[in-house]
Amino acid sequence: MSYERIETTLCDAPELAVAVRSLALRAHKVMNDPMADAEAYELLARRISRLRRRYPVDARSSLCRWLTNLLRRVEAANLPPAMCSNR
């Protein structure tokens, strides 16, 4: 019988903190940039998903809720229209 790691260990905590902070900064930048394109949002969604897979946490935790809500916001974001004019 194999054992899967379900909780983040204490030694993972500093690495997790760096990853969460980096993700939060990137999400803030992308979601507040009126020129962000679909690719930027897709990369952000993938980054959120990778973090969730790398550090599985209890579904009731505030981190899990934050990641879930962030992913929903990214997926639901109204992407700015492609710039078509030559102004």
Protein backbone atom coordinates (compact mmCIF):
# COMPACT_ATOMS: atom_id res chain seq x y z
CA MET A 1 0.00 0.00 0.00
CA SER A 2 1.47 3.37 -0.98
CA TYR A 3 1.11 6.47 1.11
CA GLU A 4 0.36 9.81 -0.54
CA ARG A 5 1.41 13.01 1.13
CA ILE A 6 -1.75 14.89 2.04
CA GLU A 7 -0.47 17.71 4.20
CA THR A 8 2.37 20.13 3.67
CA THR A 9 5.24 19.39 6.02
CA LEU A 10 6.93 22.01 8.15
CA CYS A 11 10.10 21.87 6.03
CA ASP A 12 7.98 22.75 2.96
CA ALA A 13 6.58 25.87 4.64
CA PRO A 14 9.25 28.40 3.56
CA GLU A 15 9.15 27.14 -0.02
CA LEU A 16 5.36 27.25 -0.02
CA ALA A 17 5.37 30.79 1.37
CA VAL A 18 7.68 31.97 -1.43
CA ALA A 19 5.53 30.26 -4.06
CA VAL A 20 2.29 31.75 -2.69
CA ARG A 21 3.77 35.25 -2.48
CA SER A 22 5.14 35.02 -6.01
CA LEU A 23 1.78 33.80 -7.30
CA ALA A 24 -0.09 36.58 -5.49
CA LEU A 25 2.19 39.24 -6.95
CA ARG A 26 1.85 37.82 -10.46
CA ALA A 27 -1.93 37.51 -10.15
CA HIS A 28 -2.21 41.11 -8.97
CA LYS A 29 -0.09 42.31 -11.87
CA VAL A 30 -1.97 40.35 -14.55
CA MET A 31 -5.45 41.05 -13.24
CA ASN A 32 -4.81 44.78 -12.94
CA ASP A 33 -3.15 45.14 -16.34
CA PRO A 34 -5.67 46.31 -18.95
CA MET A 35 -3.29 45.07 -21.65
CA ALA A 36 -3.00 41.51 -20.26
CA ASP A 37 -3.86 39.00 -22.96
CA ALA A 38 -5.42 35.55 -22.93
CA GLU A 39 -1.99 33.93 -22.77
CA ALA A 40 -1.14 35.79 -19.55
CA TYR A 41 -4.37 34.55 -17.96
CA GLU A 42 -3.78 30.99 -19.18
CA LEU A 43 -0.25 30.98 -17.75
CA LEU A 44 -1.59 32.29 -14.46
CA ALA A 45 -4.27 29.56 -14.34
CA ARG A 46 -1.64 26.89 -14.99
CA ARG A 47 0.58 28.31 -12.27
CA ILE A 48 -2.30 28.16 -9.77
CA SER A 49 -3.04 24.56 -10.74
CA ARG A 50 0.62 23.55 -10.40
CA LEU A 51 0.80 25.07 -6.94
CA ARG A 52 -2.34 23.19 -5.87
CA ARG A 53 -0.87 19.90 -7.11
CA ARG A 54 2.58 20.46 -5.62
CA TYR A 55 1.33 21.37 -2.15
CA PRO A 56 -1.87 19.46 -1.49
CA VAL A 57 -3.64 21.01 1.47
CA ASP A 58 -6.87 20.38 3.32
CA ALA A 59 -9.81 21.53 1.20
CA ARG A 60 -11.13 23.49 4.18
CA SER A 61 -7.91 25.48 4.60
CA SER A 62 -7.76 29.17 3.86
CA LEU A 63 -4.96 28.56 1.34
CA CYS A 64 -7.05 26.07 -0.60
CA ARG A 65 -10.03 28.44 -0.59
CA TRP A 66 -7.83 31.31 -1.76
CA LEU A 67 -6.35 29.25 -4.62
CA THR A 68 -9.82 28.02 -5.65
CA ASN A 69 -11.27 31.53 -5.63
CA LEU A 70 -8.26 32.96 -7.45
CA LEU A 71 -8.55 30.31 -10.16
CA ARG A 72 -12.27 31.11 -10.54
CA ARG A 73 -11.52 34.81 -10.88
CA VAL A 74 -8.82 34.17 -13.46
CA GLU A 75 -11.05 31.86 -15.48
CA ALA A 76 -13.98 34.29 -15.31
CA ALA A 77 -11.97 37.39 -16.04
CA ASN A 78 -13.20 39.52 -18.86
CA LEU A 79 -10.15 39.60 -21.01
CA PRO A 80 -9.45 42.89 -22.75
CA PRO A 81 -10.35 42.85 -26.44
CA ALA A 82 -7.53 42.34 -28.92
CA MET A 83 -6.16 45.60 -30.18
CA CYS A 84 -7.23 45.90 -33.79
CA SER A 85 -6.72 49.55 -34.56
CA ASN A 86 -3.54 51.13 -35.83
CA ARG A 87 -3.70 54.18 -33.58
